[in-house]
Amino acid sequence: MGIINRTLDESEQQESLKADHQTVVNTNERFVGIVERACVIQKAIATCSGISGAPTGILRVNRFGSTSFLVGLTFLIPALGTSGAMGALSLPAAGATSLNLQKDDVVTILYGGGTGAAATEISVDLVVKNIQDIKTWY
């Protein structure tokens, strides 16, 4: 039986795609999650430890295995001991079509920051909100 999304509390309508990446260097692209159903990106949160240089990230969505697009702008990933996790990282304004995700989209993060940018671990949390009233899993 499906869950009727509109009857849930606002916080229950949101879900989180979480990823932890070890030994990240400049130009690495790492997996964040596969989207289970149509949704909208609400927030991106990131932090890292074992930092060298100034690692950055940008979200990329791969659709249908052949099309991809970037979501927002490049953002700095703050060090855990300095700033803690930082949210709302350079995402487009609410209503932008690049925030819309379709079922089976693959979300990745492309790391950058120059040749000296690296981290021993980076945690990324992508908060999404379902846009359909009935939530179904595969």
C-alpha atoms as a PDB file:
ATOM      1  CA  MET A   1       0.000   0.000   0.000  1.00  0.00           C
ATOM      2  CA  GLY A   2       1.283   3.442  -0.870  1.00  0.00           C
ATOM      3  CA  ILE A   3       1.906   6.218   1.621  1.00  0.00           C
ATOM      4  CA  ILE A   4      -0.111   9.373   0.975  1.00  0.00           C
ATOM      5  CA  ASN A   5       2.597  12.012   1.067  1.00  0.00           C
ATOM      6  CA  ARG A   6       0.372  15.093   1.491  1.00  0.00           C
ATOM      7  CA  THR A   7      -1.041  13.804   4.794  1.00  0.00           C
ATOM      8  CA  LEU A   8       2.418  13.523   6.334  1.00  0.00           C
ATOM      9  CA  ASP A   9       4.074  16.294   8.317  1.00  0.00           C
ATOM     10  CA  GLU A  10       6.418  18.558   6.294  1.00  0.00           C
ATOM     11  CA  SER A  11       9.497  16.904   7.822  1.00  0.00           C
ATOM     12  CA  GLU A  12       8.158  13.431   6.978  1.00  0.00           C
ATOM     13  CA  GLN A  13       7.785  14.369   3.313  1.00  0.00           C
ATOM     14  CA  GLN A  14      11.544  14.774   3.016  1.00  0.00           C
ATOM     15  CA  GLU A  15      14.177  12.080   2.677  1.00  0.00           C
ATOM     16  CA  SER A  16      17.933  12.073   2.699  1.00  0.00           C
ATOM     17  CA  LEU A  17      20.488  10.596   0.329  1.00  0.00           C
ATOM     18  CA  LYS A  18      23.706  10.183   2.318  1.00  0.00           C
ATOM     19  CA  ALA A  19      27.198   9.358   1.112  1.00  0.00           C
ATOM     20  CA  ASP A  20      30.593   9.068   2.795  1.00  0.00           C
ATOM     21  CA  HIS A  21      33.642   9.150   0.537  1.00  0.00           C
ATOM     22  CA  GLN A  22      37.154   8.208   1.661  1.00  0.00           C
ATOM     23  CA  THR A  23      40.440   9.432   0.176  1.00  0.00           C
ATOM     24  CA  VAL A  24      38.998  12.092  -2.086  1.00  0.00           C
ATOM     25  CA  VAL A  25      41.252  14.043  -4.438  1.00  0.00           C
ATOM     26  CA  ASN A  26      40.734  16.666  -7.114  1.00  0.00           C
ATOM     27  CA  THR A  27      38.670  15.460 -10.150  1.00  0.00           C
ATOM     28  CA  ASN A  28      37.101  12.459  -8.341  1.00  0.00           C
ATOM     29  CA  GLU A  29      33.429  11.916  -9.126  1.00  0.00           C
ATOM     30  CA  ARG A  30      31.613   9.884  -6.488  1.00  0.00           C
ATOM     31  CA  PHE A  31      28.143   8.379  -6.177  1.00  0.00           C
ATOM     32  CA  VAL A  32      25.564  10.041  -3.861  1.00  0.00           C
ATOM     33  CA  GLY A  33      22.426   8.034  -4.638  1.00  0.00           C
ATOM     34  CA  ILE A  34      19.851   6.658  -7.042  1.00  0.00           C
ATOM     35  CA  VAL A  35      16.534   8.496  -6.946  1.00  0.00           C
ATOM     36  CA  GLU A  36      13.642   6.117  -6.193  1.00  0.00           C
ATOM     37  CA  ARG A  37      10.809   8.397  -7.251  1.00  0.00           C
ATOM     38  CA  ALA A  38      10.197  11.909  -8.587  1.00  0.00           C
ATOM     39  CA  CYS A  39      11.407  14.514  -6.081  1.00  0.00           C
ATOM     40  CA  VAL A  40      12.918  17.975  -5.687  1.00  0.00           C
ATOM     41  CA  ILE A  41      16.284  18.794  -4.109  1.00  0.00           C
ATOM     42  CA  GLN A  42      15.711  20.828  -0.945  1.00  0.00           C
ATOM     43  CA  LYS A  43      19.192  21.119   0.547  1.00  0.00           C
ATOM     44  CA  ALA A  44      22.749  19.836   0.229  1.00  0.00           C
ATOM     45  CA  ILE A  45      24.984  19.540   3.290  1.00  0.00           C
ATOM     46  CA  ALA A  46      28.695  18.648   3.276  1.00  0.00           C
ATOM     47  CA  THR A  47      31.709  18.473   5.571  1.00  0.00           C
ATOM     48  CA  CYS A  48      35.140  16.849   5.433  1.00  0.00           C
ATOM     49  CA  SER A  49      38.042  15.764   7.625  1.00  0.00           C
ATOM     50  CA  GLY A  50      41.744  15.300   6.963  1.00  0.00           C
ATOM     51  CA  ILE A  51      41.675  18.314   4.696  1.00  0.00           C
ATOM     52  CA  SER A  52      44.452  19.476   2.373  1.00  0.00           C
ATOM     53  CA  GLY A  53      43.970  22.606   0.313  1.00  0.00           C
ATOM     54  CA  ALA A  54      40.391  23.702  -0.288  1.00  0.00           C
ATOM     55  CA  PRO A  55      38.200  20.885  -1.647  1.00  0.00           C
ATOM     56  CA  THR A  56      35.115  21.910  -3.596  1.00  0.00           C
ATOM     57  CA  GLY A  57      32.147  20.018  -4.957  1.00  0.00           C
ATOM     58  CA  ILE A  58      29.364  20.330  -7.487  1.00  0.00           C
ATOM     59  CA  LEU A  59      26.335  18.071  -7.869  1.00  0.00           C
ATOM     60  CA  ARG A  60      25.724  16.298 -11.165  1.00  0.00           C
ATOM     61  CA  VAL A  61      22.616  14.385 -12.211  1.00  0.00           C
ATOM     62  CA  ASN A  62      22.935  11.566 -14.750  1.00  0.00           C
ATOM     63  CA  ARG A  63      19.664  10.784 -16.496  1.00  0.00           C
ATOM     64  CA  PHE A  64      18.947   7.816 -18.778  1.00  0.00           C
ATOM     65  CA  GLY A  65      22.633   6.886 -18.856  1.00  0.00           C
ATOM     66  CA  SER A  66      23.480   9.437 -21.525  1.00  0.00           C
ATOM     67  CA  THR A  67      22.340  12.862 -20.344  1.00  0.00           C
ATOM     68  CA  SER A  68      23.835  14.750 -17.433  1.00  0.00           C
ATOM     69  CA  PHE A  69      23.507  18.227 -15.987  1.00  0.00           C
ATOM     70  CA  LEU A  70      25.019  20.193 -13.121  1.00  0.00           C
ATOM     71  CA  VAL A  71      22.909  21.414 -10.214  1.00  0.00           C
ATOM     72  CA  GLY A  72      23.895  24.843  -8.938  1.00  0.00           C
ATOM     73  CA  LEU A  73      27.438  26.133  -8.651  1.00  0.00           C
ATOM     74  CA  THR A  74      30.671  24.828  -7.180  1.00  0.00           C
ATOM     75  CA  PHE A  75      30.713  25.037  -3.376  1.00  0.00           C
ATOM     76  CA  LEU A  76      33.491  24.887  -0.803  1.00  0.00           C
ATOM     77  CA  ILE A  77      33.402  21.846   1.474  1.00  0.00           C
ATOM     78  CA  PRO A  78      34.197  23.044   5.004  1.00  0.00           C
ATOM     79  CA  ALA A  79      36.427  21.151   7.418  1.00  0.00           C
ATOM     80  CA  LEU A  80      34.628  19.428  10.294  1.00  0.00           C
ATOM     81  CA  GLY A  81      36.852  20.973  12.983  1.00  0.00           C
ATOM     82  CA  THR A  82      36.601  24.476  11.547  1.00  0.00           C
ATOM     83  CA  SER A  83      33.047  25.076  10.456  1.00  0.00           C
ATOM     84  CA  GLY A  84      31.174  21.816  10.876  1.00  0.00           C
ATOM     85  CA  ALA A  85      28.630  20.821   8.248  1.00  0.00           C
ATOM     86  CA  MET A  86      27.403  23.572   5.963  1.00  0.00           C
ATOM     87  CA  GLY A  87      24.047  23.500   4.177  1.00  0.00           C
ATOM     88  CA  ALA A  88      22.294  25.180   1.244  1.00  0.00           C
ATOM     89  CA  LEU A  89      25.476  24.987  -0.769  1.00  0.00           C
ATOM     90  CA  SER A  90      25.160  27.061  -3.951  1.00  0.00           C
ATOM     91  CA  LEU A  91      21.892  25.500  -5.056  1.00  0.00           C
ATOM     92  CA  PRO A  92      19.630  27.291  -7.531  1.00  0.00           C
ATOM     93  CA  ALA A  93      16.613  29.208  -6.245  1.00  0.00           C
ATOM     94  CA  ALA A  94      13.465  27.257  -5.386  1.00  0.00           C
ATOM     95  CA  GLY A  95      11.503  26.461  -8.520  1.00  0.00           C
ATOM     96  CA  ALA A  96      14.541  25.964 -10.771  1.00  0.00           C
ATOM     97  CA  THR A  97      14.032  22.971 -13.058  1.00  0.00           C
ATOM     98  CA  SER A  98      17.543  21.661 -12.355  1.00  0.00           C
ATOM     99  CA  LEU A  99      16.356  20.804  -8.818  1.00  0.00           C
ATOM    100  CA  ASN A 100      13.760  18.360 -10.182  1.00  0.00           C
ATOM    101  CA  LEU A 101      14.781  14.712 -10.140  1.00  0.00           C
ATOM    102  CA  GLN A 102      13.098  11.827 -11.939  1.00  0.00           C
ATOM    103  CA  LYS A 103      12.906   8.180 -10.986  1.00  0.00           C
ATOM    104  CA  ASP A 104      16.217   6.366 -11.617  1.00  0.00           C
ATOM    105  CA  ASP A 105      18.299   9.554 -11.868  1.00  0.00           C
ATOM    106  CA  VAL A 106      21.800   8.990 -10.511  1.00  0.00           C
ATOM    107  CA  VAL A 107      23.171  11.834  -8.385  1.00  0.00           C
ATOM    108  CA  THR A 108      26.940  12.210  -8.128  1.00  0.00           C
ATOM    109  CA  ILE A 109      29.292  14.823  -6.747  1.00  0.00           C
ATOM    110  CA  LEU A 110      32.310  16.009  -8.685  1.00  0.00           C
ATOM    111  CA  TYR A 111      35.185  17.069  -6.416  1.00  0.00           C
ATOM    112  CA  GLY A 112      37.591  19.823  -7.357  1.00  0.00           C
ATOM    113  CA  GLY A 113      39.574  22.629  -5.773  1.00  0.00           C
ATOM    114  CA  GLY A 114      42.878  22.448  -7.603  1.00  0.00           C
ATOM    115  CA  THR A 115      45.764  20.018  -7.666  1.00  0.00           C
ATOM    116  CA  GLY A 116      46.394  20.164  -3.897  1.00  0.00           C
ATOM    117  CA  ALA A 117      42.765  19.697  -2.820  1.00  0.00           C
ATOM    118  CA  ALA A 118      42.119  16.463  -0.959  1.00  0.00           C
ATOM    119  CA  ALA A 119      40.425  15.028   2.113  1.00  0.00           C
ATOM    120  CA  THR A 120      40.572  11.714   3.930  1.00  0.00           C
ATOM    121  CA  GLU A 121      36.780  11.684   4.275  1.00  0.00           C
ATOM    122  CA  ILE A 122      33.894  13.758   2.923  1.00  0.00           C
ATOM    123  CA  SER A 123      30.282  13.361   4.024  1.00  0.00           C
ATOM    124  CA  VAL A 124      27.476  14.564   1.767  1.00  0.00           C
ATOM    125  CA  ASP A 125      23.791  14.677   2.663  1.00  0.00           C
ATOM    126  CA  LEU A 126      21.263  15.527  -0.051  1.00  0.00           C
ATOM    127  CA  VAL A 127      17.754  16.310   1.242  1.00  0.00           C
ATOM    128  CA  VAL A 128      14.947  15.689  -1.258  1.00  0.00           C
ATOM    129  CA  LYS A 129      11.183  16.142  -1.074  1.00  0.00           C
ATOM    130  CA  ASN A 130       8.780  13.841  -2.873  1.00  0.00           C
ATOM    131  CA  ILE A 131       6.516  15.622  -5.351  1.00  0.00           C
ATOM    132  CA  GLN A 132       3.905  12.908  -5.764  1.00  0.00           C
ATOM    133  CA  ASP A 133       1.103  12.261  -3.316  1.00  0.00           C
ATOM    134  CA  ILE A 134       1.590   8.507  -3.399  1.00  0.00           C
ATOM    135  CA  LYS A 135       5.089   7.297  -2.576  1.00  0.00           C
ATOM    136  CA  THR A 136       6.022   3.928  -3.986  1.00  0.00           C
ATOM    137  CA  TRP A 137       9.295   2.044  -3.831  1.00  0.00           C
ATOM    138  CA  TYR A 138      10.582   0.097  -6.814  1.00  0.00           C
END
